[in-house]
């Protein structure tokens, strides 16, 4: 019986999807300096609240950022373990040294 790595694949898709948007990358760049209030993010990005909420939701659902509420404000921060996971996934995709065979004949005959 064969087993599939679907959960790992699904996780990879979620992480890489979350990182595939310029606005979400800007948000992560802003959060590198530490926790930020959503109002600060909105001001710096000059983004509509609904647009920013969508991007933060994608990042949160992928586990790349976490939020906390303080009164009526929401504060966001990077989840370092998730970025480590992205790094490890990318490294795992690299071919091992000397393992990329070069085809000398066509694959379909």
N, C-alpha and C. Protein backbone atom coordinates (compact mmCIF):
# COMPACT_ATOMS: atom_id res chain seq x y z
N UNK A 1 0.84 -1.17 0.00
CA UNK A 1 0.00 0.00 0.00
C UNK A 1 0.89 1.25 0.00
N UNK A 2 0.53 2.22 -0.84
CA UNK A 2 1.31 3.45 -0.90
C UNK A 2 0.68 4.51 -0.01
N UNK A 3 1.55 5.27 0.61
CA UNK A 3 1.05 6.39 1.40
C UNK A 3 1.44 7.67 0.68
N UNK A 4 0.61 8.66 0.83
CA UNK A 4 0.90 9.94 0.19
C UNK A 4 1.25 10.96 1.25
N UNK A 5 1.92 11.99 0.83
CA UNK A 5 2.30 13.07 1.74
C UNK A 5 1.33 14.24 1.58
N UNK A 6 0.06 13.95 1.41
CA UNK A 6 -0.94 15.00 1.19
C UNK A 6 -0.94 16.08 2.26
N UNK A 7 -0.95 15.71 3.55
CA UNK A 7 -0.96 16.79 4.54
C UNK A 7 0.26 17.71 4.41
N UNK A 8 1.43 17.15 4.16
CA UNK A 8 2.62 17.97 3.97
C UNK A 8 2.48 18.82 2.71
N UNK A 9 1.94 18.23 1.65
CA UNK A 9 1.74 18.97 0.41
C UNK A 9 0.74 20.09 0.63
N UNK A 10 -0.34 19.81 1.32
CA UNK A 10 -1.34 20.84 1.60
C UNK A 10 -0.73 21.97 2.43
N UNK A 11 0.08 21.62 3.39
CA UNK A 11 0.74 22.63 4.22
C UNK A 11 1.69 23.48 3.39
N UNK A 12 2.45 22.82 2.53
CA UNK A 12 3.36 23.55 1.64
C UNK A 12 2.61 24.52 0.75
N UNK A 13 1.50 24.05 0.19
CA UNK A 13 0.69 24.90 -0.68
C UNK A 13 0.20 26.13 0.08
N UNK A 14 -0.29 25.93 1.30
CA UNK A 14 -0.80 27.05 2.09
C UNK A 14 0.31 28.06 2.39
N UNK A 15 1.47 27.57 2.76
CA UNK A 15 2.57 28.47 3.08
C UNK A 15 3.04 29.24 1.85
N UNK A 16 3.28 28.52 0.77
CA UNK A 16 3.79 29.19 -0.43
C UNK A 16 2.73 30.10 -1.06
N UNK A 17 1.47 29.73 -0.96
CA UNK A 17 0.41 30.62 -1.44
C UNK A 17 0.41 31.92 -0.65
N UNK A 18 0.52 31.81 0.66
CA UNK A 18 0.52 33.00 1.50
C UNK A 18 1.69 33.92 1.18
N UNK A 19 2.79 33.34 0.73
CA UNK A 19 3.98 34.13 0.41
C UNK A 19 4.01 34.60 -1.05
N UNK A 20 3.00 34.26 -1.81
CA UNK A 20 3.03 34.54 -3.26
C UNK A 20 2.40 35.87 -3.64
N UNK A 21 2.19 36.74 -2.69
CA UNK A 21 1.55 38.03 -2.97
C UNK A 21 2.43 39.17 -2.45
N UNK A 22 2.59 40.20 -3.26
CA UNK A 22 3.46 41.32 -2.89
C UNK A 22 2.98 42.02 -1.61
N UNK A 23 1.69 42.19 -1.46
CA UNK A 23 1.17 42.86 -0.25
C UNK A 23 1.48 42.04 0.99
N UNK A 24 1.30 40.73 0.90
CA UNK A 24 1.57 39.88 2.07
C UNK A 24 3.07 39.89 2.40
N UNK A 25 3.90 39.93 1.39
CA UNK A 25 5.34 40.03 1.65
C UNK A 25 5.68 41.37 2.29
N UNK A 26 5.02 42.44 1.88
CA UNK A 26 5.22 43.76 2.51
C UNK A 26 4.81 43.72 3.98
N UNK A 27 3.70 43.06 4.25
CA UNK A 27 3.24 42.95 5.64
C UNK A 27 4.28 42.22 6.47
N UNK A 28 4.80 41.11 5.96
CA UNK A 28 5.82 40.36 6.70
C UNK A 28 7.07 41.21 6.90
N UNK A 29 7.45 41.97 5.88
CA UNK A 29 8.62 42.84 6.01
C UNK A 29 8.40 43.86 7.13
N UNK A 30 7.20 44.42 7.21
CA UNK A 30 6.89 45.39 8.25
C UNK A 30 6.91 44.74 9.64
N UNK A 31 6.52 43.48 9.71
CA UNK A 31 6.47 42.78 10.99
C UNK A 31 7.84 42.26 11.45
N UNK A 32 8.82 42.32 10.57
CA UNK A 32 10.16 41.86 10.96
C UNK A 32 10.70 42.65 12.15
N UNK A 33 10.30 43.91 12.26
CA UNK A 33 10.78 44.75 13.36
C UNK A 33 10.03 44.49 14.66
N UNK A 34 8.98 43.68 14.60
CA UNK A 34 8.22 43.37 15.80
C UNK A 34 6.74 43.55 15.59
N UNK A 35 6.01 43.33 16.65
CA UNK A 35 4.55 43.39 16.62
C UNK A 35 4.08 44.78 16.18
N UNK A 36 3.01 44.78 15.36
CA UNK A 36 2.44 46.05 14.87
C UNK A 36 0.93 46.02 14.99
N UNK A 37 0.37 47.18 15.28
CA UNK A 37 -1.07 47.34 15.32
C UNK A 37 -1.60 47.34 13.89
N UNK A 38 -2.79 46.80 13.71
CA UNK A 38 -3.37 46.74 12.38
C UNK A 38 -3.54 48.14 11.79
N UNK A 39 -3.78 49.13 12.63
CA UNK A 39 -3.94 50.50 12.12
C UNK A 39 -2.63 51.01 11.53
N UNK A 40 -1.49 50.62 12.12
CA UNK A 40 -0.17 51.00 11.58
C UNK A 40 0.06 50.35 10.23
N UNK A 41 -0.30 49.07 10.14
CA UNK A 41 -0.15 48.36 8.87
C UNK A 41 -0.99 49.02 7.79
N UNK A 42 -2.21 49.35 8.15
CA UNK A 42 -3.13 49.97 7.20
C UNK A 42 -2.59 51.32 6.72
N UNK A 43 -2.09 52.12 7.64
CA UNK A 43 -1.55 53.43 7.27
C UNK A 43 -0.33 53.30 6.37
N UNK A 44 0.61 52.43 6.75
CA UNK A 44 1.84 52.29 5.97
C UNK A 44 1.60 51.70 4.58
N UNK A 45 0.64 50.80 4.49
CA UNK A 45 0.34 50.18 3.19
C UNK A 45 -0.63 51.03 2.37
N UNK A 46 -1.25 52.02 3.03
CA UNK A 46 -2.29 52.83 2.40
C UNK A 46 -3.33 51.89 1.76
N UNK A 47 -3.78 50.95 2.57
CA UNK A 47 -4.69 49.90 2.10
C UNK A 47 -6.06 50.05 2.74
N UNK A 48 -7.06 49.70 1.98
CA UNK A 48 -8.42 49.66 2.53
C UNK A 48 -8.47 48.58 3.61
N UNK A 49 -9.30 48.79 4.62
CA UNK A 49 -9.40 47.86 5.74
C UNK A 49 -9.77 46.46 5.25
N UNK A 50 -10.70 46.37 4.31
CA UNK A 50 -11.14 45.06 3.84
C UNK A 50 -10.01 44.32 3.11
N UNK A 51 -9.23 45.05 2.33
CA UNK A 51 -8.11 44.44 1.60
C UNK A 51 -7.05 43.94 2.59
N UNK A 52 -6.72 44.77 3.57
CA UNK A 52 -5.72 44.38 4.56
C UNK A 52 -6.21 43.19 5.37
N UNK A 53 -7.47 43.19 5.76
CA UNK A 53 -8.04 42.07 6.52
C UNK A 53 -7.92 40.77 5.74
N UNK A 54 -8.19 40.82 4.45
CA UNK A 54 -8.07 39.62 3.62
C UNK A 54 -6.65 39.08 3.66
N UNK A 55 -5.66 39.95 3.45
CA UNK A 55 -4.27 39.51 3.42
C UNK A 55 -3.81 38.99 4.78
N UNK A 56 -4.23 39.65 5.84
CA UNK A 56 -3.87 39.18 7.19
C UNK A 56 -4.52 37.83 7.48
N UNK A 57 -5.73 37.63 6.99
CA UNK A 57 -6.41 36.34 7.17
C UNK A 57 -5.63 35.22 6.48
N UNK A 58 -5.17 35.47 5.26
CA UNK A 58 -4.39 34.45 4.53
C UNK A 58 -3.11 34.13 5.31
N UNK A 59 -2.42 35.16 5.76
CA UNK A 59 -1.18 34.94 6.53
C UNK A 59 -1.46 34.22 7.85
N UNK A 60 -2.54 34.59 8.51
CA UNK A 60 -2.91 33.96 9.79
C UNK A 60 -3.29 32.50 9.59
N UNK A 61 -4.10 32.22 8.57
CA UNK A 61 -4.53 30.84 8.31
C UNK A 61 -3.36 29.95 7.92
N UNK A 62 -2.34 30.52 7.29
CA UNK A 62 -1.14 29.75 6.95
C UNK A 62 -0.22 29.59 8.16
N UNK A 63 -0.53 30.29 9.23
CA UNK A 63 0.28 30.20 10.45
C UNK A 63 1.53 31.06 10.42
N UNK A 64 1.62 31.96 9.44
CA UNK A 64 2.80 32.82 9.33
C UNK A 64 2.76 34.01 10.28
N UNK A 65 1.56 34.44 10.64
CA UNK A 65 1.43 35.52 11.63
C UNK A 65 0.42 35.10 12.68
N UNK A 66 0.54 35.72 13.83
CA UNK A 66 -0.42 35.52 14.92
C UNK A 66 -0.91 36.89 15.33
N UNK A 67 -2.08 36.92 15.92
CA UNK A 67 -2.63 38.19 16.36
C UNK A 67 -3.08 38.09 17.81
N UNK A 68 -3.20 39.25 18.41
CA UNK A 68 -3.76 39.33 19.74
C UNK A 68 -4.60 40.59 19.78
N UNK A 69 -5.63 40.54 20.59
CA UNK A 69 -6.54 41.68 20.74
C UNK A 69 -6.18 42.41 22.04
N UNK A 70 -6.22 43.70 21.96
CA UNK A 70 -6.05 44.53 23.14
C UNK A 70 -7.08 45.65 23.02
N UNK A 71 -8.14 45.52 23.79
CA UNK A 71 -9.25 46.46 23.63
C UNK A 71 -9.86 46.29 22.24
N UNK A 72 -9.97 47.37 21.52
CA UNK A 72 -10.55 47.28 20.17
C UNK A 72 -9.49 47.13 19.08
N UNK A 73 -8.23 47.04 19.48
CA UNK A 73 -7.15 46.95 18.51
C UNK A 73 -6.63 45.52 18.37
N UNK A 74 -6.14 45.21 17.18
CA UNK A 74 -5.51 43.92 16.91
C UNK A 74 -4.04 44.17 16.61
N UNK A 75 -3.20 43.34 17.19
CA UNK A 75 -1.76 43.44 16.98
C UNK A 75 -1.28 42.14 16.32
N UNK A 76 -0.40 42.29 15.33
CA UNK A 76 0.10 41.14 14.57
C UNK A 76 1.59 41.00 14.74
N UNK A 77 2.04 39.75 14.70
CA UNK A 77 3.47 39.44 14.80
C UNK A 77 3.76 38.22 13.94
N UNK A 78 4.99 38.10 13.54
CA UNK A 78 5.44 36.94 12.76
C UNK A 78 5.56 35.73 13.69
N UNK A 79 5.26 34.56 13.14
CA UNK A 79 5.48 33.31 13.85
C UNK A 79 6.79 32.72 13.30
N UNK A 80 7.90 32.88 14.03
CA UNK A 80 9.21 32.47 13.50
C UNK A 80 9.27 31.01 13.08
N UNK A 81 8.58 30.14 13.81
CA UNK A 81 8.61 28.71 13.48
C UNK A 81 8.04 28.43 12.09
N UNK A 82 7.06 29.22 11.68
CA UNK A 82 6.47 29.04 10.36
C UNK A 82 7.47 29.42 9.27
N UNK A 83 8.25 30.47 9.51
CA UNK A 83 9.27 30.85 8.51
C UNK A 83 10.38 29.81 8.46
N UNK A 84 10.69 29.21 9.59
CA UNK A 84 11.66 28.11 9.60
C UNK A 84 11.12 26.95 8.79
N UNK A 85 9.83 26.69 8.92
CA UNK A 85 9.20 25.62 8.16
C UNK A 85 9.27 25.90 6.65
N UNK A 86 9.03 27.15 6.25
CA UNK A 86 9.14 27.53 4.83
C UNK A 86 10.56 27.29 4.35
N UNK A 87 11.52 27.70 5.14
CA UNK A 87 12.93 27.48 4.79
C UNK A 87 13.21 26.00 4.59
N UNK A 88 12.77 25.20 5.55
CA UNK A 88 13.03 23.75 5.48
C UNK A 88 12.35 23.12 4.26
N UNK A 89 11.15 23.58 3.93
CA UNK A 89 10.45 23.07 2.74
C UNK A 89 11.23 23.41 1.47
N UNK A 90 11.72 24.64 1.39
CA UNK A 90 12.47 25.06 0.20
C UNK A 90 13.78 24.27 0.08
N UNK A 91 14.45 24.08 1.19
CA UNK A 91 15.70 23.31 1.17
C UNK A 91 15.43 21.87 0.75
N UNK A 92 14.32 21.31 1.21
CA UNK A 92 13.98 19.92 0.88
C UNK A 92 13.71 19.74 -0.62
N UNK A 93 13.37 20.81 -1.31
CA UNK A 93 13.11 20.73 -2.75
C UNK A 93 14.38 20.75 -3.59
N UNK A 94 15.48 21.13 -2.98
CA UNK A 94 16.73 21.18 -3.72
C UNK A 94 17.20 19.77 -4.04
N UNK A 95 17.66 19.57 -5.28
CA UNK A 95 18.20 18.24 -5.61
C UNK A 95 19.50 17.99 -4.86
N UNK A 96 19.72 16.73 -4.56
CA UNK A 96 20.99 16.37 -3.93
C UNK A 96 22.10 16.54 -4.95
N UNK A 97 23.25 16.88 -4.45
CA UNK A 97 24.40 17.10 -5.33
C UNK A 97 24.67 15.86 -6.18
N UNK A 98 24.77 16.08 -7.47
CA UNK A 98 25.10 14.99 -8.39
C UNK A 98 23.95 14.05 -8.69
N UNK A 99 22.72 14.40 -8.35
CA UNK A 99 21.61 13.47 -8.57
C UNK A 99 20.70 13.88 -9.73
N UNK A 100 21.00 14.96 -10.41
CA UNK A 100 20.17 15.36 -11.54
C UNK A 100 20.66 14.66 -12.80
N UNK A 101 19.99 13.58 -13.19
CA UNK A 101 20.45 12.89 -14.40
C UNK A 101 20.14 13.74 -15.63
N UNK A 102 21.03 13.66 -16.59
CA UNK A 102 20.82 14.35 -17.86
C UNK A 102 20.37 13.31 -18.86
N UNK A 103 19.22 13.52 -19.44
CA UNK A 103 18.70 12.57 -20.43
C UNK A 103 19.52 12.66 -21.71
N UNK A 104 19.89 11.52 -22.19
CA UNK A 104 20.60 11.49 -23.47
C UNK A 104 19.70 11.00 -24.59
N UNK A 105 18.52 10.51 -24.21
CA UNK A 105 17.56 10.07 -25.21
C UNK A 105 16.19 10.68 -24.85
N UNK A 106 15.30 10.69 -25.81
CA UNK A 106 13.98 11.21 -25.56
C UNK A 106 13.21 10.33 -24.58
N UNK A 107 12.23 10.89 -23.93
CA UNK A 107 11.47 10.11 -22.96
C UNK A 107 10.29 9.40 -23.62
N UNK A 108 9.82 9.88 -24.70
CA UNK A 108 8.67 9.28 -25.38
C UNK A 108 9.08 8.75 -26.75
N UNK A 109 8.87 7.50 -26.96
CA UNK A 109 9.23 6.93 -28.27
C UNK A 109 8.04 6.27 -28.90
